[in-house]
Amino acid sequence: MVLHSLASVLPDALSLGKHDTVLPVVPMFHVNAWGIPFSATMVGAKQVFPGPHLDPVSVLDLLSAEKVTLTAGVPTVWLGVLDALDRNPGKWNVKALHTMIVGGSAAPQAMIEGFEKRHGLRIIHAWGMTEMSPVGTISRPREEGLPEADKFRLRALQGTAVPLVEVRAMNENGEVAWDGKTMGELHVRGPFIAKSYFKNPTEADKFTMDGWFRTGDVVTIDPEGCVRITDRSKDLIKSGGEWISSVDLENALMGHPAVKEAAVIAIAHPKWDERPVACVVLKDGVKAAEQELREWLEPRFAKYWLPDAYVFLEQIPRTATGKFLKSALRQQLKDFRFP
């Protein structure tokens, strides 16, 4: 924890100091919460805790009242906060907030743009895992001279490894090239990354003989060492022998002005093995038909990537930490049949 705290407070990581006021917007049993408090304590930052009140209005009230400078949470929390800010512009004073760390799952680029363009709030994308204490990568790309579209595209990536963390991606042919295109399972190692699970020999294959932890995340790594998570290995959709990223489809759908939330899951298909089905929650008072969403995705993806069906829901099931619970969606749609 000492090594992790030292690495995570550096300027190109969380950039924490004694003048900061920090609010982790996650339950305290979650790794996103128990990592940051150690770092904040080490540098003497003020800490604010939300208790069980993780709804957007309570979070915004706390951000405003305590003049929070740095906060962290999962994307579903911030999607709700962005919606509240859009509905009530000027209600909360969050000018002190210079950094919003987003981790736990991939943040939609549209959300990152929405916070900055409409409210002047900067999202910093991060990635990590419980086994890593938790911070692994931070997205603080070089942006000098880049067009605005490229800046936001880069910020939506998971970023480069923090000091003391090594990364590689592996597929059936060995280590993949850092070309930003070839996908492989992300492996990590370092002094604050677990070497094994305590009294759990059934999970021993998660750790390689040469000291790498197999994360289960499927990624590409570009020539600058920037990691882009395409999916969890269990959530990748294999259709007709081709891989489809549910994360890319979800983030594109959540860029549609009518869509509040979206989760894409694989459904068994008699011909193609699996096909993507999009589960969509629309914003209050807004309508969007399946064809409209399909037309939104068509210019962005190959035809075989496009979901075969759209299921409109009141809400998407979540874990206790606020992430989408895709296992519950798969169970909910276990009897789904394609037309």
Protein backbone atom coordinates (compact mmCIF):
# COMPACT_ATOMS: atom_id res chain seq x y z
CA MET A 1 0.00 0.00 0.00
CA VAL A 2 2.93 2.37 0.63
CA LEU A 3 4.32 1.76 -2.86
CA HIS A 4 0.88 2.07 -4.42
CA SER A 5 0.21 5.33 -2.57
CA LEU A 6 3.55 6.80 -3.68
CA ALA A 7 2.88 5.90 -7.32
CA SER A 8 -0.74 7.05 -7.39
CA VAL A 9 -0.21 10.61 -6.06
CA LEU A 10 2.32 11.55 -8.77
CA PRO A 11 1.41 14.42 -11.15
CA ASP A 12 0.75 12.10 -14.11
CA ALA A 13 -1.35 9.75 -11.94
CA LEU A 14 -3.96 11.12 -9.50
CA SER A 15 -1.91 14.27 -8.80
CA LEU A 16 -2.96 14.50 -5.15
CA GLY A 17 -1.64 17.00 -2.60
CA LYS A 18 -2.38 18.44 0.82
CA HIS A 19 -4.47 21.27 -0.64
CA ASP A 20 -6.97 18.83 -2.19
CA THR A 21 -10.38 17.80 -0.89
CA VAL A 22 -11.14 14.26 -2.02
CA LEU A 23 -14.48 12.48 -2.42
CA PRO A 24 -14.50 8.78 -3.42
CA VAL A 25 -18.04 8.13 -4.70
CA VAL A 26 -18.11 4.38 -4.11
CA PRO A 27 -18.92 2.08 -1.19
CA MET A 28 -15.94 1.73 1.13
CA PHE A 29 -15.62 -2.03 0.50
CA HIS A 30 -14.85 -1.28 -3.14
CA VAL A 31 -11.26 -1.04 -4.29
CA ASN A 32 -11.84 2.42 -5.77
CA ALA A 33 -12.50 3.65 -2.23
CA TRP A 34 -9.89 1.84 -0.22
CA GLY A 35 -7.10 2.79 -2.62
CA ILE A 36 -7.65 6.56 -2.65
CA PRO A 37 -8.03 7.13 1.14
CA PHE A 38 -4.54 5.73 1.77
CA SER A 39 -3.06 8.07 -0.86
CA ALA A 40 -5.03 11.05 0.44
CA THR A 41 -3.97 10.35 4.02
CA MET A 42 -0.32 10.08 2.99
CA VAL A 43 -0.27 13.59 1.49
CA GLY A 44 -2.60 15.16 4.08
CA ALA A 45 -5.58 15.86 1.81
CA LYS A 46 -9.01 16.51 3.31
CA GLN A 47 -11.39 13.59 2.76
CA VAL A 48 -15.17 13.63 2.33
CA PHE A 49 -17.25 10.44 2.38
CA PRO A 50 -20.81 10.09 1.04
CA GLY A 51 -21.94 7.15 3.15
CA PRO A 52 -24.85 5.37 1.47
CA HIS A 53 -25.98 8.50 -0.41
CA LEU A 54 -24.66 7.84 -3.91
CA ASP A 55 -27.57 9.32 -5.88
CA PRO A 56 -26.67 12.22 -8.22
CA VAL A 57 -28.32 15.00 -6.16
CA SER A 58 -26.65 13.90 -2.90
CA VAL A 59 -23.28 13.63 -4.63
CA LEU A 60 -23.62 17.07 -6.20
CA ASP A 61 -24.76 18.59 -2.90
CA LEU A 62 -21.62 17.20 -1.24
CA LEU A 63 -19.29 18.25 -4.07
CA SER A 64 -20.65 21.79 -3.82
CA ALA A 65 -20.86 22.13 -0.02
CA GLU A 66 -17.39 20.70 0.69
CA LYS A 67 -15.67 22.36 -2.32
CA VAL A 68 -14.31 19.02 -3.45
CA THR A 69 -11.31 19.27 -5.80
CA LEU A 70 -10.91 15.60 -6.81
CA THR A 71 -13.52 12.86 -6.93
CA ALA A 72 -13.64 9.30 -8.23
CA GLY A 73 -16.35 6.81 -9.15
CA VAL A 74 -17.72 4.40 -11.75
CA PRO A 75 -19.23 5.65 -15.06
CA THR A 76 -22.84 4.87 -14.11
CA VAL A 77 -22.58 7.29 -11.17
CA TRP A 78 -21.23 10.06 -13.38
CA LEU A 79 -23.84 9.46 -16.09
CA GLY A 80 -26.47 10.26 -13.45
CA VAL A 81 -24.53 13.31 -12.26
CA LEU A 82 -24.20 14.61 -15.83
CA ASP A 83 -27.94 14.20 -16.38
CA ALA A 84 -28.66 16.14 -13.16
CA LEU A 85 -26.31 18.96 -14.16
CA ASP A 86 -27.87 19.16 -17.62
CA ARG A 87 -31.36 19.37 -16.10
CA ASN A 88 -30.40 21.96 -13.47
CA PRO A 89 -27.66 24.21 -14.89
CA GLY A 90 -26.27 26.59 -12.30
CA LYS A 91 -27.84 24.84 -9.32
CA TRP A 92 -24.54 23.54 -7.90
CA ASN A 93 -21.22 25.34 -7.56
CA VAL A 94 -18.59 22.78 -8.54
CA LYS A 95 -15.93 25.23 -9.71
CA ALA A 96 -13.43 23.86 -7.17
CA LEU A 97 -13.56 20.43 -8.85
CA HIS A 98 -10.50 20.11 -11.07
CA THR A 99 -10.44 16.31 -11.60
CA MET A 100 -13.06 13.56 -11.90
CA ILE A 101 -11.44 10.11 -11.93
CA VAL A 102 -13.55 7.51 -13.72
CA GLY A 103 -12.80 3.80 -13.38
CA GLY A 104 -14.46 0.46 -12.84
CA SER A 105 -15.59 0.18 -16.46
CA ALA A 106 -15.04 2.09 -19.69
CA ALA A 107 -16.38 5.64 -19.72
CA PRO A 108 -18.33 6.70 -22.84
CA GLN A 109 -16.54 9.38 -24.84
CA ALA A 110 -19.83 11.28 -25.10
CA MET A 111 -19.90 11.55 -21.30
CA ILE A 112 -16.33 12.84 -21.16
CA GLU A 113 -17.17 15.47 -23.79
CA GLY A 114 -20.46 16.39 -22.09
CA PHE A 115 -18.84 17.19 -18.74
CA GLU A 116 -16.10 19.31 -20.29
CA LYS A 117 -18.03 21.14 -23.01
CA ARG A 118 -21.19 21.84 -21.04
CA HIS A 119 -19.90 22.16 -17.48
CA GLY A 120 -16.13 22.74 -17.66
CA LEU A 121 -15.38 19.55 -15.70
CA ARG A 122 -12.46 17.34 -16.67
CA ILE A 123 -12.75 13.55 -16.66
CA ILE A 124 -9.57 11.51 -16.20
CA HIS A 125 -9.97 7.89 -17.25
CA ALA A 126 -8.26 5.29 -15.06
CA TRP A 127 -8.12 1.52 -14.96
CA GLY A 128 -7.16 -0.94 -12.26
CA MET A 129 -8.26 -3.98 -10.29
CA THR A 130 -8.52 -5.15 -6.71
CA GLU A 131 -5.49 -7.37 -7.32
CA MET A 132 -3.49 -4.22 -8.23
CA SER A 133 -4.24 -2.18 -5.09
CA PRO A 134 -5.92 -0.84 -7.46
CA VAL A 135 -4.48 1.74 -9.91
CA GLY A 136 -2.87 0.33 -13.06
CA THR A 137 -3.18 2.94 -15.82
CA ILE A 138 -4.13 6.62 -16.06
CA SER A 139 -5.16 8.47 -19.22
CA ARG A 140 -3.30 11.78 -19.31
CA PRO A 141 -2.26 11.85 -22.99
CA ARG A 142 -0.11 14.46 -24.68
CA GLU A 143 -2.63 16.75 -26.38
CA GLU A 144 -0.52 19.59 -27.78
CA GLY A 145 -1.48 20.36 -31.37
CA LEU A 146 -4.18 17.68 -31.60
CA PRO A 147 -7.65 18.36 -33.01
CA GLU A 148 -10.40 18.40 -30.38
CA ALA A 149 -11.89 15.12 -31.62
CA ASP A 150 -8.56 13.32 -31.17
CA LYS A 151 -8.13 14.74 -27.65
CA PHE A 152 -11.43 13.30 -26.48
CA ARG A 153 -10.79 10.00 -28.26
CA LEU A 154 -7.49 9.64 -26.39
CA ARG A 155 -9.05 10.58 -23.06
CA ALA A 156 -11.58 7.77 -23.52
CA LEU A 157 -8.73 5.23 -23.55
CA GLN A 158 -7.52 3.59 -20.34
CA GLY A 159 -4.10 5.26 -20.58
CA THR A 160 -0.52 4.34 -19.80
CA ALA A 161 0.81 2.37 -16.86
CA VAL A 162 1.65 4.23 -13.65
CA PRO A 163 5.22 3.87 -12.36
CA LEU A 164 6.16 0.37 -11.14
CA VAL A 165 3.44 -1.32 -13.25
CA GLU A 166 4.38 -3.33 -16.35
CA VAL A 167 1.84 -4.27 -19.02
CA ARG A 168 1.68 -6.68 -21.94
CA ALA A 169 -1.08 -8.25 -24.04
CA MET A 170 -1.07 -11.93 -24.95
CA ASN A 171 -3.01 -14.04 -27.44
CA GLU A 172 -2.68 -17.61 -28.67
CA ASN A 173 0.44 -16.63 -30.63
CA GLY A 174 2.25 -15.01 -27.71
CA GLU A 175 2.80 -11.33 -26.88
CA VAL A 176 0.95 -9.04 -29.30
CA ALA A 177 2.47 -6.03 -31.03
CA TRP A 178 1.96 -2.57 -29.56
CA ASP A 179 0.21 -1.42 -32.73
CA GLY A 180 -3.10 -0.21 -31.26
CA LYS A 181 -4.97 -2.84 -33.29
CA THR A 182 -4.06 -6.38 -32.26
CA MET A 183 -6.16 -7.65 -29.36
CA GLY A 184 -4.92 -9.79 -26.50
CA GLU A 185 -5.51 -10.47 -22.82
CA LEU A 186 -3.91 -7.82 -20.62
CA HIS A 187 -1.22 -9.08 -18.24
CA VAL A 188 0.29 -6.90 -15.50
CA ARG A 189 3.01 -7.22 -12.90
CA GLY A 190 4.69 -5.04 -10.31
CA PRO A 191 5.51 -4.68 -6.62
CA PHE A 192 1.96 -3.76 -5.56
CA ILE A 193 0.25 -6.36 -7.73
CA ALA A 194 -0.86 -9.67 -6.21
CA LYS A 195 1.29 -12.76 -6.82
CA SER A 196 -1.43 -15.29 -5.91
CA TYR A 197 -4.84 -15.67 -4.29
CA PHE A 198 -4.87 -16.59 -0.61
CA LYS A 199 -5.74 -20.28 -0.11
CA ASN A 200 -7.42 -20.47 -3.53
CA PRO A 201 -5.50 -22.99 -5.67
CA THR A 202 -8.37 -23.27 -8.16
CA GLU A 203 -7.49 -19.76 -9.43
CA ALA A 204 -3.74 -20.42 -9.68
CA ASP A 205 -3.88 -20.19 -13.49
CA LYS A 206 -4.56 -16.44 -13.18
CA PHE A 207 -0.84 -16.01 -12.41
CA THR A 208 1.91 -16.97 -14.85
CA MET A 209 5.16 -18.71 -13.94
CA ASP A 210 7.12 -15.53 -14.78
CA GLY A 211 5.10 -13.34 -12.37
CA TRP A 212 2.35 -11.80 -14.51
CA PHE A 213 -1.28 -11.49 -13.41
CA ARG A 214 -3.81 -12.36 -16.13
CA THR A 215 -6.49 -9.67 -15.81
CA GLY A 216 -9.21 -11.16 -18.03
CA ASP A 217 -9.49 -7.84 -19.88
CA VAL A 218 -9.07 -7.91 -23.67
CA VAL A 219 -7.08 -4.91 -24.88
CA THR A 220 -4.99 -3.28 -27.56
CA ILE A 221 -1.80 -1.35 -26.72
CA ASP A 222 -0.59 1.44 -29.00
CA PRO A 223 3.06 2.38 -29.76
CA GLU A 224 2.98 4.93 -26.90
CA GLY A 225 2.00 2.18 -24.44
CA CYS A 226 -1.60 3.42 -24.18
CA VAL A 227 -4.04 0.66 -23.24
CA ARG A 228 -7.55 0.43 -24.71
CA ILE A 229 -9.86 -2.12 -23.14
CA THR A 230 -12.12 -3.65 -25.77
CA ASP A 231 -13.99 -5.90 -23.31
CA ARG A 232 -13.86 -8.35 -20.46
CA SER A 233 -13.05 -11.76 -21.93
CA LYS A 234 -16.38 -13.11 -20.59
CA ASP A 235 -18.31 -10.26 -22.27
CA LEU A 236 -16.74 -10.41 -25.74
CA ILE A 237 -19.23 -11.53 -28.37
CA LYS A 238 -18.06 -14.13 -30.89
CA SER A 239 -20.26 -14.10 -33.95
CA GLY A 240 -19.49 -16.23 -36.98
CA GLY A 241 -15.86 -16.54 -35.85
CA GLU A 242 -15.42 -12.76 -35.46
CA TRP A 243 -15.01 -10.89 -32.16
CA ILE A 244 -17.33 -7.99 -31.31
CA SER A 245 -16.66 -5.56 -28.46
CA SER A 246 -19.72 -4.93 -26.30
CA VAL A 247 -17.94 -1.92 -24.72
CA ASP A 248 -17.49 -0.13 -28.05
CA LEU A 249 -21.15 -0.63 -28.95
CA GLU A 250 -22.33 0.52 -25.50
CA ASN A 251 -20.25 3.68 -25.57
CA ALA A 252 -21.46 4.54 -29.06
CA LEU A 253 -25.09 4.00 -28.06
CA MET A 254 -24.67 6.21 -25.00
CA GLY A 255 -23.54 8.96 -27.33
CA HIS A 256 -27.05 9.11 -28.80
CA PRO A 257 -28.92 12.10 -27.35
CA ALA A 258 -31.95 9.97 -26.35
CA VAL A 259 -30.02 7.19 -24.59
CA LYS A 260 -29.40 7.33 -20.87
CA GLU A 261 -27.75 3.92 -20.45
CA ALA A 262 -26.92 0.96 -22.67
CA ALA A 263 -25.52 -2.51 -22.13
CA VAL A 264 -24.82 -5.00 -24.91
CA ILE A 265 -24.82 -8.74 -24.27
CA ALA A 266 -24.34 -11.91 -26.32
CA ILE A 267 -27.38 -14.06 -27.03
CA ALA A 268 -27.03 -17.57 -28.46
CA HIS A 269 -27.86 -17.69 -32.19
CA PRO A 270 -28.64 -20.84 -34.22
CA LYS A 271 -26.49 -19.77 -37.18
CA TRP A 272 -23.85 -17.33 -35.89
CA ASP A 273 -23.16 -18.88 -32.46
CA GLU A 274 -23.73 -15.52 -30.73
CA ARG A 275 -25.22 -12.19 -31.74
CA PRO A 276 -25.24 -8.85 -29.88
CA VAL A 277 -28.46 -7.59 -28.30
CA ALA A 278 -28.60 -4.01 -27.00
CA CYS A 279 -30.40 -3.30 -23.72
CA VAL A 280 -31.29 0.40 -23.66
CA VAL A 281 -32.66 2.84 -21.10
CA LEU A 282 -33.97 6.07 -22.65
CA LYS A 283 -33.83 9.46 -20.98
CA ASP A 284 -37.01 10.61 -19.26
CA GLY A 285 -39.56 12.04 -21.66
CA VAL A 286 -37.57 11.10 -24.77
CA LYS A 287 -38.41 8.52 -27.42
CA ALA A 288 -36.19 6.64 -29.86
CA ALA A 289 -37.13 3.69 -32.05
CA GLU A 290 -34.94 0.69 -32.80
CA GLN A 291 -34.37 1.84 -36.38
CA GLU A 292 -33.13 5.24 -35.18
CA LEU A 293 -30.54 3.61 -32.92
CA ARG A 294 -29.48 1.25 -35.67
CA GLU A 295 -28.96 4.18 -38.06
CA TRP A 296 -26.90 5.92 -35.35
CA LEU A 297 -24.53 2.93 -35.17
CA GLU A 298 -24.34 2.05 -38.88
CA PRO A 299 -21.66 4.61 -39.91
CA ARG A 300 -19.53 3.70 -36.87
CA PHE A 301 -19.24 -0.07 -37.16
CA ALA A 302 -19.01 -2.95 -39.61
CA LYS A 303 -22.42 -4.38 -40.46
CA TYR A 304 -21.84 -7.65 -38.60
CA TRP A 305 -21.17 -5.68 -35.37
CA LEU A 306 -24.62 -4.09 -35.32
CA PRO A 307 -27.00 -5.49 -32.68
CA ASP A 308 -29.66 -7.80 -34.09
CA ALA A 309 -32.22 -6.56 -31.56
CA TYR A 310 -32.87 -3.76 -29.09
CA VAL A 311 -34.59 -4.32 -25.75
CA PHE A 312 -35.89 -1.19 -24.00
CA LEU A 313 -35.77 -1.34 -20.20
CA GLU A 314 -36.74 0.89 -17.28
CA GLN A 315 -33.32 0.28 -15.72
CA ILE A 316 -30.23 -1.88 -16.15
CA PRO A 317 -29.33 -4.15 -13.20
CA ARG A 318 -26.27 -3.00 -11.26
CA THR A 319 -23.73 -4.45 -8.88
CA ALA A 320 -23.34 -3.00 -5.38
CA THR A 321 -20.65 -0.69 -6.74
CA GLY A 322 -22.83 0.67 -9.56
CA LYS A 323 -21.47 -1.28 -12.52
CA PHE A 324 -23.83 -2.85 -15.06
CA LEU A 325 -24.59 -6.44 -14.02
CA LYS A 326 -24.52 -8.24 -17.35
CA SER A 327 -24.99 -11.66 -15.79
CA ALA A 328 -28.40 -10.50 -14.56
CA LEU A 329 -29.26 -9.22 -18.04
CA ARG A 330 -28.27 -12.54 -19.59
CA GLN A 331 -30.48 -14.34 -17.09
CA GLN A 332 -33.32 -11.89 -17.75
CA LEU A 333 -33.10 -12.57 -21.49
CA LYS A 334 -32.31 -16.30 -21.33
CA ASP A 335 -35.52 -17.13 -23.25
CA PHE A 336 -34.95 -14.45 -25.92
CA ARG A 337 -35.45 -15.67 -29.48
CA PHE A 338 -34.37 -13.83 -32.61
CA PRO A 339 -37.10 -13.08 -35.13
